[in-house]
N, C-alpha and C. Protein backbone atom coordinates (compact mmCIF):
# COMPACT_ATOMS: atom_id res chain seq x y z
N UNK A 1 -97.25 124.25 -45.74
CA UNK A 1 -97.59 124.06 -46.88
C UNK A 1 -99.14 123.51 -47.25
N UNK A 2 -99.65 124.06 -47.98
CA UNK A 2 -101.15 123.64 -47.96
C UNK A 2 -101.21 122.38 -48.83
N UNK A 3 -102.30 121.41 -48.37
CA UNK A 3 -102.56 120.28 -48.91
C UNK A 3 -103.71 119.60 -48.39
N UNK A 4 -104.10 118.73 -49.26
CA UNK A 4 -105.25 117.86 -49.06
C UNK A 4 -104.62 116.37 -48.92
N UNK A 5 -105.12 115.75 -47.97
CA UNK A 5 -104.53 114.16 -47.78
C UNK A 5 -105.44 113.52 -47.46
N UNK A 6 -105.69 112.28 -48.64
CA UNK A 6 -106.80 111.39 -48.65
C UNK A 6 -106.21 109.96 -47.99
N UNK A 7 -107.07 109.26 -47.28
CA UNK A 7 -106.86 108.37 -46.69
C UNK A 7 -107.94 107.04 -46.70
N UNK A 8 -107.89 105.94 -46.49
CA UNK A 8 -108.91 105.07 -46.46
C UNK A 8 -109.09 104.14 -47.71
N UNK A 9 -108.11 103.95 -48.42
CA UNK A 9 -108.26 103.39 -49.67
C UNK A 9 -107.90 101.99 -49.49
N UNK A 10 -107.70 101.01 -50.09
CA UNK A 10 -107.35 99.71 -50.02
C UNK A 10 -108.17 98.65 -51.17
N UNK A 11 -107.93 97.49 -50.82
CA UNK A 11 -108.57 96.44 -51.47
C UNK A 11 -109.72 95.81 -50.82
N UNK A 12 -110.85 95.61 -51.57
CA UNK A 12 -111.79 95.12 -51.31
C UNK A 12 -112.96 94.24 -51.79
N UNK A 13 -113.50 93.37 -51.71
CA UNK A 13 -114.24 92.39 -52.63
C UNK A 13 -115.55 93.15 -53.23
N UNK A 14 -115.68 92.90 -54.36
CA UNK A 14 -117.16 93.25 -54.88
C UNK A 14 -118.18 93.05 -53.96
N UNK A 15 -119.36 94.15 -53.69
CA UNK A 15 -120.22 94.21 -52.65
C UNK A 15 -119.59 94.63 -51.41
N UNK A 16 -118.55 94.97 -51.47
CA UNK A 16 -117.89 95.42 -49.71
C UNK A 16 -117.88 96.94 -50.08
N UNK A 17 -117.41 97.27 -48.79
CA UNK A 17 -117.61 98.86 -48.46
C UNK A 17 -116.30 99.59 -48.16
N UNK A 18 -116.02 100.75 -48.28
CA UNK A 18 -114.78 101.40 -47.82
C UNK A 18 -115.02 102.69 -47.35
N UNK A 19 -114.69 103.34 -46.66
CA UNK A 19 -114.59 104.77 -46.26
C UNK A 19 -113.47 105.77 -46.40
N UNK A 20 -113.62 106.49 -47.48
CA UNK A 20 -112.54 107.30 -47.66
C UNK A 20 -112.84 108.80 -46.78
N UNK A 21 -111.59 109.31 -46.47
CA UNK A 21 -111.75 110.59 -45.62
C UNK A 21 -110.55 111.45 -46.48
N UNK A 22 -110.89 112.97 -46.49
CA UNK A 22 -109.96 113.87 -47.02
C UNK A 22 -109.82 115.02 -45.71
N UNK A 23 -108.43 115.03 -45.42
CA UNK A 23 -108.07 115.94 -44.34
C UNK A 23 -107.62 117.25 -45.01
N UNK A 24 -107.30 118.33 -44.38
CA UNK A 24 -106.90 119.63 -44.98
C UNK A 24 -105.98 120.16 -43.90
N UNK A 25 -104.72 120.50 -44.91
CA UNK A 25 -103.64 121.09 -43.72
C UNK A 25 -103.44 122.51 -44.13
N UNK A 26 -103.80 123.64 -43.55
CA UNK A 26 -103.55 125.10 -43.96
C UNK A 26 -104.46 125.40 -44.93
N UNK A 27 -105.35 124.67 -44.88
CA UNK A 27 -106.53 124.75 -46.01
C UNK A 27 -107.91 124.87 -45.40
N UNK A 28 -108.75 125.74 -45.54
CA UNK A 28 -110.00 125.59 -44.97
C UNK A 28 -111.10 125.00 -45.97
N UNK A 29 -112.27 124.34 -45.19
CA UNK A 29 -113.25 124.02 -46.23
C UNK A 29 -114.32 124.74 -45.99
N UNK A 30 -114.39 125.56 -45.16
CA UNK A 30 -115.44 126.45 -44.83
C UNK A 30 -115.93 127.46 -45.87
N UNK A 31 -116.96 127.79 -46.55
CA UNK A 31 -117.35 128.39 -47.60
C UNK A 31 -116.76 127.84 -48.90
N UNK A 32 -116.52 126.54 -48.94
CA UNK A 32 -115.98 126.12 -50.55
C UNK A 32 -116.57 124.57 -50.53
N UNK A 33 -117.36 124.49 -51.59
CA UNK A 33 -117.50 123.14 -52.06
C UNK A 33 -116.35 122.54 -52.02
N UNK A 34 -116.47 121.09 -52.09
CA UNK A 34 -115.63 119.99 -52.16
C UNK A 34 -115.98 118.78 -52.95
N UNK A 35 -115.05 118.07 -53.19
CA UNK A 35 -115.65 117.14 -54.56
C UNK A 35 -114.66 116.20 -53.99
N UNK A 36 -115.38 114.61 -54.73
CA UNK A 36 -114.30 113.62 -54.76
C UNK A 36 -114.37 113.25 -56.21
N UNK A 37 -113.24 112.86 -57.08
CA UNK A 37 -112.99 112.57 -58.24
C UNK A 37 -112.23 111.02 -58.38
N UNK A 38 -112.33 110.37 -59.39
CA UNK A 38 -111.54 109.21 -59.40
C UNK A 38 -110.77 108.99 -60.90
N UNK A 39 -109.68 108.48 -60.86
CA UNK A 39 -109.14 108.32 -62.29
C UNK A 39 -108.83 106.80 -62.24
N UNK A 40 -109.14 105.97 -63.15
CA UNK A 40 -108.81 104.85 -63.42
C UNK A 40 -107.87 104.47 -64.39
N UNK A 41 -107.07 103.45 -64.50
CA UNK A 41 -105.98 103.34 -65.52
C UNK A 41 -106.08 103.42 -66.82
N UNK A 42 -105.63 104.36 -67.64
CA UNK A 42 -106.01 104.72 -69.15
C UNK A 42 -107.23 105.59 -69.49
N UNK A 43 -107.82 106.20 -68.41
CA UNK A 43 -108.98 106.82 -68.30
C UNK A 43 -108.75 108.39 -67.89
N UNK A 44 -109.65 109.33 -68.40
CA UNK A 44 -109.49 110.28 -67.67
C UNK A 44 -110.07 110.47 -66.40
N UNK A 45 -109.73 111.35 -65.85
CA UNK A 45 -110.23 111.81 -64.26
C UNK A 45 -111.47 112.20 -64.30
N UNK A 46 -112.64 111.40 -63.55
CA UNK A 46 -114.01 111.65 -63.66
C UNK A 46 -114.50 112.10 -62.29
N UNK A 47 -115.59 112.59 -62.38
CA UNK A 47 -116.36 113.33 -61.07
C UNK A 47 -117.09 112.25 -60.64
N UNK A 48 -117.23 112.18 -59.30
CA UNK A 48 -117.55 111.01 -58.45
C UNK A 48 -118.82 111.77 -57.32
N UNK A 49 -118.41 112.77 -56.62
CA UNK A 49 -119.74 113.28 -55.76
C UNK A 49 -119.03 114.80 -55.66
N UNK A 50 -119.79 115.62 -54.95
CA UNK A 50 -119.49 116.85 -54.52
C UNK A 50 -120.47 117.47 -53.34
N UNK A 51 -120.17 118.13 -52.40
CA UNK A 51 -120.82 118.54 -51.44
C UNK A 51 -120.75 120.37 -50.74
N UNK A 52 -121.98 121.01 -51.29
CA UNK A 52 -121.71 122.16 -50.68
C UNK A 52 -120.94 122.62 -49.30
N UNK A 53 -120.50 123.88 -49.10
CA UNK A 53 -119.62 124.02 -48.14
C UNK A 53 -120.84 123.95 -46.61
N UNK A 54 -121.80 124.37 -46.99
CA UNK A 54 -123.21 124.24 -45.68
C UNK A 54 -123.29 122.71 -45.51
N UNK A 55 -122.91 121.82 -46.53
CA UNK A 55 -123.63 120.74 -46.46
C UNK A 55 -124.94 120.51 -46.94
N UNK A 56 -125.76 121.15 -47.20
CA UNK A 56 -127.23 121.53 -47.49
C UNK A 56 -127.18 120.70 -48.90
N UNK A 57 -126.34 120.63 -49.83
CA UNK A 57 -126.26 120.16 -51.21
C UNK A 57 -125.55 119.30 -51.44
N UNK A 58 -125.78 118.10 -52.16
CA UNK A 58 -124.74 117.14 -52.44
C UNK A 58 -124.87 116.81 -54.08
N UNK A 59 -124.17 116.52 -54.55
CA UNK A 59 -124.54 115.90 -55.91
C UNK A 59 -123.52 114.53 -56.41
N UNK A 60 -124.00 113.49 -57.09
CA UNK A 60 -123.43 112.37 -57.13
C UNK A 60 -123.44 111.84 -59.08
N UNK A 61 -122.18 111.35 -59.59
CA UNK A 61 -122.42 110.99 -60.67
C UNK A 61 -123.37 109.85 -60.65
N UNK A 62 -124.01 109.45 -61.98
CA UNK A 62 -125.02 108.68 -61.92
C UNK A 62 -124.24 106.93 -61.36
N UNK A 63 -123.03 106.84 -61.87
CA UNK A 63 -122.49 105.54 -61.88
C UNK A 63 -122.41 105.15 -60.21
N UNK A 64 -122.60 106.20 -59.18
CA UNK A 64 -122.40 105.73 -57.75
C UNK A 64 -123.39 106.14 -57.13
N UNK A 65 -124.28 107.07 -57.81
CA UNK A 65 -125.59 107.53 -56.97
C UNK A 65 -126.54 106.21 -56.36
N UNK A 66 -126.79 106.36 -55.00
CA UNK A 66 -127.41 105.36 -54.20
C UNK A 66 -126.29 104.63 -53.82
N UNK A 67 -125.20 104.38 -54.07
CA UNK A 67 -123.93 103.59 -53.46
C UNK A 67 -123.20 104.36 -52.45
N UNK A 68 -122.69 105.54 -52.80
CA UNK A 68 -121.77 106.40 -52.27
C UNK A 68 -122.66 107.32 -51.53
N UNK A 69 -122.06 107.92 -50.51
CA UNK A 69 -122.40 109.22 -49.86
C UNK A 69 -121.63 110.14 -49.42
N UNK A 70 -121.18 111.44 -49.58
CA UNK A 70 -120.37 112.38 -49.54
C UNK A 70 -120.80 113.10 -48.27
N UNK A 71 -120.01 113.48 -47.05
CA UNK A 71 -120.58 114.09 -45.75
C UNK A 71 -119.12 114.93 -45.85
N UNK A 72 -119.38 116.16 -45.31
CA UNK A 72 -118.43 116.87 -44.65
C UNK A 72 -118.29 117.32 -43.30
N UNK A 73 -117.32 117.82 -42.56
CA UNK A 73 -117.35 118.21 -41.18
C UNK A 73 -116.54 119.57 -41.17
N UNK A 74 -116.90 120.98 -41.39
CA UNK A 74 -116.34 122.15 -41.34
C UNK A 74 -115.41 122.22 -40.14
N UNK A 75 -116.00 121.84 -38.94
CA UNK A 75 -115.00 121.97 -37.84
C UNK A 75 -113.99 121.13 -37.88
N UNK A 76 -113.94 119.90 -38.08
CA UNK A 76 -112.85 119.27 -38.41
C UNK A 76 -112.34 119.41 -39.75
N UNK A 77 -112.60 120.42 -40.79
CA UNK A 77 -111.72 120.54 -41.93
C UNK A 77 -111.98 118.67 -42.67
N UNK A 78 -112.80 118.13 -42.53
CA UNK A 78 -112.52 116.73 -43.32
C UNK A 78 -113.89 116.65 -44.37
N UNK A 79 -113.50 115.78 -45.23
CA UNK A 79 -114.82 115.38 -46.08
C UNK A 79 -114.95 113.91 -46.46
N UNK A 80 -115.55 113.18 -46.24
CA UNK A 80 -115.53 111.85 -46.33
C UNK A 80 -116.33 111.23 -47.63
N UNK A 81 -116.20 110.23 -47.88
CA UNK A 81 -116.88 109.41 -49.26
C UNK A 81 -116.98 107.91 -48.39
N UNK A 82 -118.45 107.83 -48.25
CA UNK A 82 -118.82 106.35 -47.70
C UNK A 82 -119.07 105.64 -49.06
N UNK A 83 -118.37 104.60 -49.37
CA UNK A 83 -118.93 103.73 -50.83
C UNK A 83 -119.28 102.20 -50.16
N UNK A 84 -120.40 101.89 -50.56
CA UNK A 84 -121.08 100.84 -50.54
C UNK A 84 -121.34 100.15 -51.88
N UNK A 85 -121.22 98.92 -51.41
CA UNK A 85 -121.57 97.81 -52.72
C UNK A 85 -121.05 98.16 -53.97
N UNK A 86 -119.73 98.08 -53.67
CA UNK A 86 -118.64 98.25 -54.78
C UNK A 86 -118.49 97.17 -55.43
N UNK A 87 -118.05 97.91 -56.74
CA UNK A 87 -117.96 96.95 -58.19
C UNK A 87 -116.41 97.23 -58.53
N UNK A 88 -116.19 96.22 -59.43
CA UNK A 88 -114.84 96.33 -59.99
C UNK A 88 -114.72 97.52 -60.79
N UNK A 89 -115.63 97.85 -61.53
CA UNK A 89 -115.50 99.19 -61.87
C UNK A 89 -114.97 100.38 -61.39
N UNK A 90 -115.38 100.38 -60.11
CA UNK A 90 -115.04 101.65 -58.89
C UNK A 90 -113.68 101.62 -58.77
N UNK A 91 -112.92 100.52 -59.03
CA UNK A 91 -111.23 100.51 -59.19
C UNK A 91 -110.70 102.00 -59.72
N UNK A 92 -109.95 102.70 -58.78
CA UNK A 92 -109.50 103.84 -59.27
C UNK A 92 -108.25 104.33 -58.14
N UNK A 93 -107.75 105.35 -58.36
CA UNK A 93 -107.35 106.33 -57.66
C UNK A 93 -108.31 107.41 -57.26
N UNK A 94 -108.59 107.55 -56.07
CA UNK A 94 -109.78 108.74 -55.73
C UNK A 94 -108.78 109.91 -55.03
N UNK A 95 -109.58 111.11 -55.59
CA UNK A 95 -108.86 112.66 -54.95
C UNK A 95 -110.08 113.03 -54.57
N UNK A 96 -109.66 113.94 -53.54
CA UNK A 96 -110.75 115.16 -52.96
C UNK A 96 -109.79 116.24 -53.66
N UNK A 97 -111.08 117.46 -53.70
CA UNK A 97 -110.53 118.50 -54.15
C UNK A 97 -111.54 119.57 -53.50
N UNK A 98 -110.94 120.75 -53.30
CA UNK A 98 -111.55 122.06 -53.08
C UNK A 98 -111.95 122.86 -54.12
N UNK A 99 -113.24 123.15 -54.30
CA UNK A 99 -113.40 124.01 -55.43
C UNK A 99 -113.23 125.52 -55.31
N UNK A 100 -113.11 126.30 -56.25
CA UNK A 100 -112.50 127.48 -56.27
C UNK A 100 -113.83 128.36 -55.47
N UNK A 101 -113.32 129.60 -55.28
CA UNK A 101 -114.71 130.42 -54.30
C UNK A 101 -115.40 130.82 -55.65
N UNK A 102 -116.80 130.74 -55.38
CA UNK A 102 -118.09 130.87 -56.05
C UNK A 102 -118.86 131.56 -55.28
N UNK A 103 -119.95 132.67 -56.15
CA UNK A 103 -120.90 133.06 -55.25
C UNK A 103 -121.71 132.23 -54.79
N UNK A 104 -122.37 132.97 -53.66
CA UNK A 104 -123.44 131.95 -52.74
C UNK A 104 -124.66 131.50 -54.10
N UNK A 105 -124.98 130.33 -53.99
CA UNK A 105 -126.07 130.00 -54.47
C UNK A 105 -125.96 129.37 -56.07
N UNK A 106 -124.56 129.32 -56.19
CA UNK A 106 -123.90 128.58 -57.52
C UNK A 106 -123.95 127.23 -57.34
N UNK A 107 -124.69 126.58 -58.58
CA UNK A 107 -124.88 125.41 -58.43
C UNK A 107 -123.49 124.39 -58.27
N UNK A 108 -123.41 123.39 -57.73
CA UNK A 108 -122.61 122.56 -57.43
C UNK A 108 -121.96 121.93 -58.90
N UNK A 109 -121.15 121.54 -59.03
CA UNK A 109 -120.31 121.35 -60.33
C UNK A 109 -119.24 120.08 -60.21
N UNK A 110 -119.25 119.21 -61.33
CA UNK A 110 -118.44 118.11 -61.48
C UNK A 110 -117.33 118.30 -62.14
N UNK A 111 -117.09 119.52 -62.71
CA UNK A 111 -116.04 120.03 -63.86
C UNK A 111 -114.68 120.02 -62.74
N UNK A 112 -113.91 119.26 -63.31
CA UNK A 112 -112.63 119.16 -62.62
C UNK A 112 -111.87 120.55 -62.69
N UNK A 113 -112.20 121.31 -64.05
CA UNK A 113 -111.23 122.82 -63.91
C UNK A 113 -111.90 123.82 -62.81
N UNK A 114 -112.80 123.63 -62.42
CA UNK A 114 -113.80 124.48 -61.30
C UNK A 114 -112.90 124.10 -59.78
N UNK A 115 -112.00 123.17 -59.80
CA UNK A 115 -111.39 122.75 -58.51
C UNK A 115 -110.05 123.19 -58.41
N UNK A 116 -109.62 123.67 -57.30
CA UNK A 116 -108.07 124.40 -57.66
C UNK A 116 -107.06 123.69 -56.67
N UNK A 117 -107.61 122.96 -55.59
CA UNK A 117 -106.67 122.32 -54.65
C UNK A 117 -107.00 120.77 -54.74
N UNK A 118 -105.85 120.08 -54.85
CA UNK A 118 -106.13 118.42 -54.99
C UNK A 118 -105.35 117.55 -54.35
N UNK A 119 -105.71 116.59 -53.59
CA UNK A 119 -105.12 115.67 -52.85
C UNK A 119 -104.07 115.06 -53.68
N UNK A 120 -103.21 113.85 -53.00
CA UNK A 120 -102.32 113.21 -53.74
C UNK A 120 -103.16 111.90 -54.40
N UNK A 121 -104.08 111.66 -53.65
CA UNK A 121 -104.68 110.46 -54.04
C UNK A 121 -104.61 109.14 -53.20
N UNK A 122 -105.89 108.36 -53.24
CA UNK A 122 -105.80 107.00 -52.48
C UNK A 122 -106.12 105.97 -53.33
N UNK A 123 -105.35 104.84 -53.43
CA UNK A 123 -105.95 103.74 -54.57
C UNK A 123 -107.30 102.79 -53.72
N UNK A 124 -108.14 102.60 -54.89
CA UNK A 124 -109.25 101.61 -54.12
C UNK A 124 -109.59 100.63 -55.19
N UNK A 125 -109.11 99.53 -54.78
CA UNK A 125 -109.11 98.08 -55.67
C UNK A 125 -110.28 97.54 -55.15
N UNK A 126 -111.01 97.21 -56.13
CA UNK A 126 -112.02 96.18 -56.13
C UNK A 126 -112.32 95.20 -57.02
N UNK A 127 -111.89 93.67 -56.23
CA UNK A 127 -111.93 92.66 -56.79
C UNK A 127 -113.15 91.86 -57.18
N UNK A 128 -113.28 91.12 -58.25
CA UNK A 128 -114.58 90.65 -58.54
C UNK A 128 -114.67 89.07 -57.88
């Protein structure tokens, strides 16, 4: 069964850090962009960060730029999200996703409908 599994979520105080990890089973990251998204209660799923399959390009939502870092390891088939200086508004379920195959040099995107494989999510709660 093809699946993405997120881990590393939890409860942290504002200003703290968490590192999320996404691992793939029967699914390769090689040649695919990867992304992290989040969804807070009552809100739509929103883009957080993306990384190209080569790791050479990254993109971030304005709300997390300078605080979050996405990284990937194709050999291990994992993609991580380091989250620093967390804020209560970062509270959400965080999902990793693999983008659909796309031509080389296509820019990164934060559009959820461009991603076809999704994990089940991991809860991140930031207390004030």
